[in-house]
Amino acid sequence: MGFVSFSIFTLLFRAPFFRITAIEIVGCQVLRPESVREALGIQEGTVTIFAIRSWEIERRLERIPQIKEAHVEKVFPGTLRVSIIERKPEILVEGKGEPFCLDQEGVKVPCSVAGDSLVRVTLRSQEGGVLSEALDLVALWRKEFNVPLMEIEALSERLFILKLQNGIVIKCEGVANVKKKAALLKSYLRDVQIKSLKVRGFDLRPGEDMVIAPGEGEGF
């Protein structure tokens, strides 16, 4: 019985009918499909679909810095469908050598696909946790607020200046500080939007409340 099973498996493993004759690449935006195809290391017509270990290929593709996730699907009798999710730049970092882009997980990616939603981060400090805190600030802001965040100036691990699309400037100590004052800040930003309240900026750092700089223009 074991010999018969082995023989059947061997026939299927080598059967021309199950050789991979087509490789479909789905999800490429910046990466070229040809680059993904080369990384697969599979040449059409040389191996059967039974010889492919999907998880092994997925792991290999996810070693490419620009690929966040990869999924390999076998479509019988002879098609391999590869779906990828590329990493997208979340912030543009300046002030630390050449400008570079990071995705939401802090992985360096090409800036070539940067869109309007990309937040500019200017580093005035070389402290290790500044970039991680800036990424967390971007994620929190997009989750909690509807006024677009345009820029973050990182002066230290305890002082960040957020610049909004509407010109308002916000001083904070980081994610925990913004999260703590989120409800209060939302109400003021709503007043700015609905009641045309003139505000230059907010300082979230003091105690349980916040400092409001009324009027327009710079100097906050």
C-alpha atoms as a PDB file:
ATOM      1  CA  MET A   1       0.000   0.000   0.000  1.00  0.00           C
ATOM      2  CA  GLY A   2       2.842   2.329   0.907  1.00  0.00           C
ATOM      3  CA  PHE A   3       4.612   1.570  -2.359  1.00  0.00           C
ATOM      4  CA  VAL A   4       1.435   2.305  -4.338  1.00  0.00           C
ATOM      5  CA  SER A   5       0.917   5.620  -2.537  1.00  0.00           C
ATOM      6  CA  PHE A   6       4.528   6.554  -3.163  1.00  0.00           C
ATOM      7  CA  SER A   7       4.206   5.680  -6.835  1.00  0.00           C
ATOM      8  CA  ILE A   8       1.072   7.791  -7.233  1.00  0.00           C
ATOM      9  CA  PHE A   9       2.722  10.719  -5.461  1.00  0.00           C
ATOM     10  CA  THR A  10       5.799  10.389  -7.679  1.00  0.00           C
ATOM     11  CA  LEU A  11       3.629  10.405 -10.816  1.00  0.00           C
ATOM     12  CA  LEU A  12       1.763  13.503  -9.664  1.00  0.00           C
ATOM     13  CA  PHE A  13       5.011  15.174  -8.630  1.00  0.00           C
ATOM     14  CA  ARG A  14       6.423  14.735 -12.134  1.00  0.00           C
ATOM     15  CA  ALA A  15       3.270  14.762 -14.290  1.00  0.00           C
ATOM     16  CA  PRO A  16       3.559  17.267 -17.181  1.00  0.00           C
ATOM     17  CA  PHE A  17      -0.150  18.120 -16.775  1.00  0.00           C
ATOM     18  CA  PHE A  18       0.598  19.719 -13.391  1.00  0.00           C
ATOM     19  CA  ARG A  19       3.662  21.668 -14.439  1.00  0.00           C
ATOM     20  CA  ILE A  20       3.457  25.370 -13.706  1.00  0.00           C
ATOM     21  CA  THR A  21       2.855  27.112 -17.014  1.00  0.00           C
ATOM     22  CA  ALA A  22       1.666  30.496 -15.737  1.00  0.00           C
ATOM     23  CA  ILE A  23       2.722  32.767 -12.879  1.00  0.00           C
ATOM     24  CA  GLU A  24       0.381  35.641 -12.068  1.00  0.00           C
ATOM     25  CA  ILE A  25       1.749  38.582 -10.083  1.00  0.00           C
ATOM     26  CA  VAL A  26      -0.912  40.744  -8.409  1.00  0.00           C
ATOM     27  CA  GLY A  27      -0.534  43.932  -6.369  1.00  0.00           C
ATOM     28  CA  CYS A  28       2.586  45.534  -7.850  1.00  0.00           C
ATOM     29  CA  GLN A  29       2.569  49.333  -7.748  1.00  0.00           C
ATOM     30  CA  VAL A  30       6.185  50.394  -7.547  1.00  0.00           C
ATOM     31  CA  LEU A  31       7.849  47.008  -7.767  1.00  0.00           C
ATOM     32  CA  ARG A  32       8.059  45.587 -11.265  1.00  0.00           C
ATOM     33  CA  PRO A  33       6.299  42.215 -11.706  1.00  0.00           C
ATOM     34  CA  GLU A  34       9.497  40.994 -13.375  1.00  0.00           C
ATOM     35  CA  SER A  35      11.442  41.664 -10.169  1.00  0.00           C
ATOM     36  CA  VAL A  36       8.979  39.612  -8.135  1.00  0.00           C
ATOM     37  CA  ARG A  37       9.102  36.864 -10.739  1.00  0.00           C
ATOM     38  CA  GLU A  38      12.892  36.749 -10.510  1.00  0.00           C
ATOM     39  CA  ALA A  39      12.725  36.549  -6.705  1.00  0.00           C
ATOM     40  CA  LEU A  40      10.437  33.519  -6.976  1.00  0.00           C
ATOM     41  CA  GLY A  41      13.186  31.517  -8.643  1.00  0.00           C
ATOM     42  CA  ILE A  42      10.643  29.447 -10.593  1.00  0.00           C
ATOM     43  CA  GLN A  43      10.776  28.936 -14.326  1.00  0.00           C
ATOM     44  CA  GLU A  44       7.526  28.025 -16.052  1.00  0.00           C
ATOM     45  CA  GLY A  45       7.372  24.468 -17.347  1.00  0.00           C
ATOM     46  CA  THR A  46      10.145  23.103 -15.131  1.00  0.00           C
ATOM     47  CA  VAL A  47       8.362  22.179 -11.883  1.00  0.00           C
ATOM     48  CA  THR A  48       4.935  20.854 -10.993  1.00  0.00           C
ATOM     49  CA  ILE A  49       2.485  22.622  -8.731  1.00  0.00           C
ATOM     50  CA  PHE A  50       2.911  19.838  -6.133  1.00  0.00           C
ATOM     51  CA  ALA A  51       6.604  20.668  -5.767  1.00  0.00           C
ATOM     52  CA  ILE A  52       5.865  24.215  -4.607  1.00  0.00           C
ATOM     53  CA  ARG A  53       5.886  25.091  -0.916  1.00  0.00           C
ATOM     54  CA  SER A  54       3.731  28.220  -0.702  1.00  0.00           C
ATOM     55  CA  TRP A  55       4.895  29.249   2.768  1.00  0.00           C
ATOM     56  CA  GLU A  56       8.534  29.000   1.711  1.00  0.00           C
ATOM     57  CA  ILE A  57       7.997  31.329  -1.261  1.00  0.00           C
ATOM     58  CA  GLU A  58       6.005  33.767   0.862  1.00  0.00           C
ATOM     59  CA  ARG A  59       8.806  33.946   3.398  1.00  0.00           C
ATOM     60  CA  ARG A  60      11.362  34.498   0.632  1.00  0.00           C
ATOM     61  CA  LEU A  61       9.360  37.349  -0.900  1.00  0.00           C
ATOM     62  CA  GLU A  62       8.807  39.018   2.464  1.00  0.00           C
ATOM     63  CA  ARG A  63      12.572  39.336   2.847  1.00  0.00           C
ATOM     64  CA  ILE A  64      12.392  41.996   0.121  1.00  0.00           C
ATOM     65  CA  PRO A  65      12.251  45.276   2.097  1.00  0.00           C
ATOM     66  CA  GLN A  66       9.511  46.779  -0.069  1.00  0.00           C
ATOM     67  CA  ILE A  67       7.122  43.827   0.346  1.00  0.00           C
ATOM     68  CA  LYS A  68       5.006  43.918   3.494  1.00  0.00           C
ATOM     69  CA  GLU A  69       2.985  40.755   2.866  1.00  0.00           C
ATOM     70  CA  ALA A  70       3.000  38.002   0.248  1.00  0.00           C
ATOM     71  CA  HIS A  71       0.419  35.310  -0.422  1.00  0.00           C
ATOM     72  CA  VAL A  72       0.969  32.405  -2.819  1.00  0.00           C
ATOM     73  CA  GLU A  73      -2.030  30.505  -4.181  1.00  0.00           C
ATOM     74  CA  LYS A  74      -1.952  27.331  -6.261  1.00  0.00           C
ATOM     75  CA  VAL A  75      -4.559  27.338  -9.027  1.00  0.00           C
ATOM     76  CA  PHE A  76      -4.763  23.847 -10.494  1.00  0.00           C
ATOM     77  CA  PRO A  77      -3.603  22.441 -12.748  1.00  0.00           C
ATOM     78  CA  GLY A  78      -0.678  24.750 -13.488  1.00  0.00           C
ATOM     79  CA  THR A  79      -1.016  28.362 -12.347  1.00  0.00           C
ATOM     80  CA  LEU A  80       0.729  30.062  -9.469  1.00  0.00           C
ATOM     81  CA  ARG A  81      -0.917  33.288  -8.281  1.00  0.00           C
ATOM     82  CA  VAL A  82       1.269  35.587  -6.187  1.00  0.00           C
ATOM     83  CA  SER A  83      -0.403  38.499  -4.387  1.00  0.00           C
ATOM     84  CA  ILE A  84       1.761  41.094  -2.680  1.00  0.00           C
ATOM     85  CA  ILE A  85       1.135  44.126  -0.506  1.00  0.00           C
ATOM     86  CA  GLU A  86       3.851  46.724  -0.876  1.00  0.00           C
ATOM     87  CA  ARG A  87       5.044  48.931   1.932  1.00  0.00           C
ATOM     88  CA  LYS A  88       3.971  52.551   1.548  1.00  0.00           C
ATOM     89  CA  PRO A  89       5.901  55.569   2.840  1.00  0.00           C
ATOM     90  CA  GLU A  90       4.272  57.125   5.883  1.00  0.00           C
ATOM     91  CA  ILE A  91       6.764  59.845   6.778  1.00  0.00           C
ATOM     92  CA  LEU A  92       9.555  61.740   5.022  1.00  0.00           C
ATOM     93  CA  VAL A  93      12.465  62.213   7.439  1.00  0.00           C
ATOM     94  CA  GLU A  94      14.775  65.198   7.103  1.00  0.00           C
ATOM     95  CA  GLY A  95      17.600  66.542   9.227  1.00  0.00           C
ATOM     96  CA  LYS A  96      19.478  63.256   9.628  1.00  0.00           C
ATOM     97  CA  GLY A  97      21.735  63.007   6.583  1.00  0.00           C
ATOM     98  CA  GLU A  98      19.988  62.396   3.271  1.00  0.00           C
ATOM     99  CA  PRO A  99      16.156  62.546   3.423  1.00  0.00           C
ATOM    100  CA  PHE A 100      14.494  59.124   3.549  1.00  0.00           C
ATOM    101  CA  CYS A 101      11.045  57.601   3.919  1.00  0.00           C
ATOM    102  CA  LEU A 102       9.700  55.110   6.471  1.00  0.00           C
ATOM    103  CA  ASP A 103       6.509  53.068   6.383  1.00  0.00           C
ATOM    104  CA  GLN A 104       4.176  52.761   9.385  1.00  0.00           C
ATOM    105  CA  GLU A 105       6.321  49.965  10.850  1.00  0.00           C
ATOM    106  CA  GLY A 106       9.519  51.993  10.617  1.00  0.00           C
ATOM    107  CA  VAL A 107      10.932  50.143   7.592  1.00  0.00           C
ATOM    108  CA  LYS A 108      12.876  52.296   5.144  1.00  0.00           C
ATOM    109  CA  VAL A 109      11.145  52.380   1.744  1.00  0.00           C
ATOM    110  CA  PRO A 110      11.595  54.346  -1.503  1.00  0.00           C
ATOM    111  CA  CYS A 111       9.976  57.779  -1.496  1.00  0.00           C
ATOM    112  CA  SER A 112       8.924  57.432  -5.135  1.00  0.00           C
ATOM    113  CA  VAL A 113       5.280  56.604  -4.274  1.00  0.00           C
ATOM    114  CA  ALA A 114       4.889  59.345  -1.674  1.00  0.00           C
ATOM    115  CA  GLY A 115       1.425  60.865  -1.899  1.00  0.00           C
ATOM    116  CA  ASP A 116      -0.300  63.891  -0.438  1.00  0.00           C
ATOM    117  CA  SER A 117      -0.824  62.064   2.868  1.00  0.00           C
ATOM    118  CA  LEU A 118       2.911  61.792   3.539  1.00  0.00           C
ATOM    119  CA  VAL A 119       3.912  63.586   6.768  1.00  0.00           C
ATOM    120  CA  ARG A 120       7.226  65.441   6.825  1.00  0.00           C
ATOM    121  CA  VAL A 121       9.295  64.830   9.975  1.00  0.00           C
ATOM    122  CA  THR A 122      12.145  67.239  10.718  1.00  0.00           C
ATOM    123  CA  LEU A 123      14.650  65.916  13.237  1.00  0.00           C
ATOM    124  CA  ARG A 124      16.281  68.454  15.529  1.00  0.00           C
ATOM    125  CA  SER A 125      17.385  65.695  17.914  1.00  0.00           C
ATOM    126  CA  GLN A 126      19.404  62.531  17.424  1.00  0.00           C
ATOM    127  CA  GLU A 127      17.807  60.713  20.379  1.00  0.00           C
ATOM    128  CA  GLY A 128      17.000  57.101  19.547  1.00  0.00           C
ATOM    129  CA  GLY A 129      13.275  57.037  20.280  1.00  0.00           C
ATOM    130  CA  VAL A 130      12.340  60.186  18.356  1.00  0.00           C
ATOM    131  CA  LEU A 131      11.484  58.510  15.043  1.00  0.00           C
ATOM    132  CA  SER A 132       9.427  55.773  16.668  1.00  0.00           C
ATOM    133  CA  GLU A 133       7.482  58.382  18.631  1.00  0.00           C
ATOM    134  CA  ALA A 134       6.909  60.420  15.467  1.00  0.00           C
ATOM    135  CA  LEU A 135       5.473  57.373  13.680  1.00  0.00           C
ATOM    136  CA  ASP A 136       3.182  56.684  16.631  1.00  0.00           C
ATOM    137  CA  LEU A 137       2.056  60.315  16.588  1.00  0.00           C
ATOM    138  CA  VAL A 138       1.130  60.043  12.893  1.00  0.00           C
ATOM    139  CA  ALA A 139      -0.842  56.832  13.497  1.00  0.00           C
ATOM    140  CA  LEU A 140      -2.696  58.304  16.486  1.00  0.00           C
ATOM    141  CA  TRP A 141      -3.467  61.553  14.686  1.00  0.00           C
ATOM    142  CA  ARG A 142      -4.950  59.792  11.656  1.00  0.00           C
ATOM    143  CA  LYS A 143      -7.064  57.619  13.915  1.00  0.00           C
ATOM    144  CA  GLU A 144      -8.408  60.377  16.185  1.00  0.00           C
ATOM    145  CA  PHE A 145      -8.503  63.640  14.201  1.00  0.00           C
ATOM    146  CA  ASN A 146      -9.931  64.758  10.869  1.00  0.00           C
ATOM    147  CA  VAL A 147      -7.660  67.785  10.336  1.00  0.00           C
ATOM    148  CA  PRO A 148      -4.702  66.593   8.224  1.00  0.00           C
ATOM    149  CA  LEU A 149      -1.295  66.550   9.895  1.00  0.00           C
ATOM    150  CA  MET A 150       1.338  68.004   7.553  1.00  0.00           C
ATOM    151  CA  GLU A 151       4.578  68.152   9.518  1.00  0.00           C
ATOM    152  CA  ILE A 152       6.222  67.133  12.790  1.00  0.00           C
ATOM    153  CA  GLU A 153       9.251  68.915  14.159  1.00  0.00           C
ATOM    154  CA  ALA A 154      10.987  66.639  16.654  1.00  0.00           C
ATOM    155  CA  LEU A 155      13.025  68.797  19.035  1.00  0.00           C
ATOM    156  CA  SER A 156      13.613  66.026  21.598  1.00  0.00           C
ATOM    157  CA  GLU A 157      11.964  62.889  22.980  1.00  0.00           C
ATOM    158  CA  ARG A 158       9.805  65.188  25.126  1.00  0.00           C
ATOM    159  CA  LEU A 159       8.980  67.988  22.689  1.00  0.00           C
ATOM    160  CA  PHE A 160       7.240  67.640  19.341  1.00  0.00           C
ATOM    161  CA  ILE A 161       5.674  70.430  17.285  1.00  0.00           C
ATOM    162  CA  LEU A 162       2.804  69.326  15.051  1.00  0.00           C
ATOM    163  CA  LYS A 163       1.808  71.506  12.106  1.00  0.00           C
ATOM    164  CA  LEU A 164      -1.670  71.029  10.683  1.00  0.00           C
ATOM    165  CA  GLN A 165      -3.032  71.710   7.207  1.00  0.00           C
ATOM    166  CA  ASN A 166      -5.095  74.627   8.531  1.00  0.00           C
ATOM    167  CA  GLY A 167      -1.955  76.358   9.840  1.00  0.00           C
ATOM    168  CA  ILE A 168      -2.434  75.522  13.513  1.00  0.00           C
ATOM    169  CA  VAL A 169       0.648  74.519  15.517  1.00  0.00           C
ATOM    170  CA  ILE A 170       0.469  72.060  18.426  1.00  0.00           C
ATOM    171  CA  LYS A 171       3.212  71.522  21.012  1.00  0.00           C
ATOM    172  CA  CYS A 172       3.202  68.192  22.830  1.00  0.00           C
ATOM    173  CA  GLU A 173       5.371  65.706  24.692  1.00  0.00           C
ATOM    174  CA  GLY A 174       4.506  62.773  22.451  1.00  0.00           C
ATOM    175  CA  VAL A 175       1.790  60.180  21.918  1.00  0.00           C
ATOM    176  CA  ALA A 176       0.704  59.802  25.548  1.00  0.00           C
ATOM    177  CA  ASN A 177       0.301  63.571  25.868  1.00  0.00           C
ATOM    178  CA  VAL A 178      -1.853  63.841  22.710  1.00  0.00           C
ATOM    179  CA  LYS A 179      -3.934  60.819  23.684  1.00  0.00           C
ATOM    180  CA  LYS A 180      -4.609  62.288  27.124  1.00  0.00           C
ATOM    181  CA  LYS A 181      -5.777  65.635  25.691  1.00  0.00           C
ATOM    182  CA  ALA A 182      -7.473  64.216  22.560  1.00  0.00           C
ATOM    183  CA  ALA A 183     -11.090  64.829  23.614  1.00  0.00           C
ATOM    184  CA  LEU A 184     -10.382  68.417  24.661  1.00  0.00           C
ATOM    185  CA  LEU A 185      -8.297  69.144  21.576  1.00  0.00           C
ATOM    186  CA  LYS A 186     -11.001  67.734  19.282  1.00  0.00           C
ATOM    187  CA  SER A 187     -13.579  70.120  20.713  1.00  0.00           C
ATOM    188  CA  TYR A 188     -11.346  73.145  20.102  1.00  0.00           C
ATOM    189  CA  LEU A 189     -10.431  72.037  16.584  1.00  0.00           C
ATOM    190  CA  ARG A 190     -14.138  71.590  15.879  1.00  0.00           C
ATOM    191  CA  ASP A 191     -14.757  75.172  17.060  1.00  0.00           C
ATOM    192  CA  VAL A 192     -11.982  76.385  14.761  1.00  0.00           C
ATOM    193  CA  GLN A 193     -13.619  74.611  11.827  1.00  0.00           C
ATOM    194  CA  ILE A 194     -17.293  75.388  12.541  1.00  0.00           C
ATOM    195  CA  LYS A 195     -17.195  78.721  14.386  1.00  0.00           C
ATOM    196  CA  SER A 196     -14.143  80.114  12.588  1.00  0.00           C
ATOM    197  CA  LEU A 197     -12.383  80.513  15.945  1.00  0.00           C
ATOM    198  CA  LYS A 198      -9.023  82.220  15.379  1.00  0.00           C
ATOM    199  CA  VAL A 199      -6.264  80.162  16.981  1.00  0.00           C
ATOM    200  CA  ARG A 200      -2.541  80.075  16.217  1.00  0.00           C
ATOM    201  CA  GLY A 201      -1.817  77.010  18.259  1.00  0.00           C
ATOM    202  CA  PHE A 202      -2.151  74.793  21.325  1.00  0.00           C
ATOM    203  CA  ASP A 203       0.326  73.669  23.946  1.00  0.00           C
ATOM    204  CA  LEU A 204      -0.779  70.314  25.361  1.00  0.00           C
ATOM    205  CA  ARG A 205       1.999  69.993  27.909  1.00  0.00           C
ATOM    206  CA  PRO A 206       0.716  71.881  30.993  1.00  0.00           C
ATOM    207  CA  GLY A 207      -1.177  69.793  33.578  1.00  0.00           C
ATOM    208  CA  GLU A 208      -4.690  68.620  32.813  1.00  0.00           C
ATOM    209  CA  ASP A 209      -5.565  71.548  30.560  1.00  0.00           C
ATOM    210  CA  MET A 210      -3.843  73.200  27.606  1.00  0.00           C
ATOM    211  CA  VAL A 211      -2.538  76.608  26.613  1.00  0.00           C
ATOM    212  CA  ILE A 212      -4.291  78.266  23.689  1.00  0.00           C
ATOM    213  CA  ALA A 213      -2.610  80.919  21.554  1.00  0.00           C
ATOM    214  CA  PRO A 214      -5.434  83.044  20.066  1.00  0.00           C
ATOM    215  CA  GLY A 215      -5.282  84.996  16.833  1.00  0.00           C
ATOM    216  CA  GLU A 216      -3.522  84.274  13.573  1.00  0.00           C
ATOM    217  CA  GLY A 217       0.011  84.276  12.259  1.00  0.00           C
ATOM    218  CA  GLU A 218       3.293  82.942  13.608  1.00  0.00           C
ATOM    219  CA  GLY A 219       5.160  83.321  16.865  1.00  0.00           C
ATOM    220  CA  PHE A 220       3.648  80.528  18.981  1.00  0.00           C
END
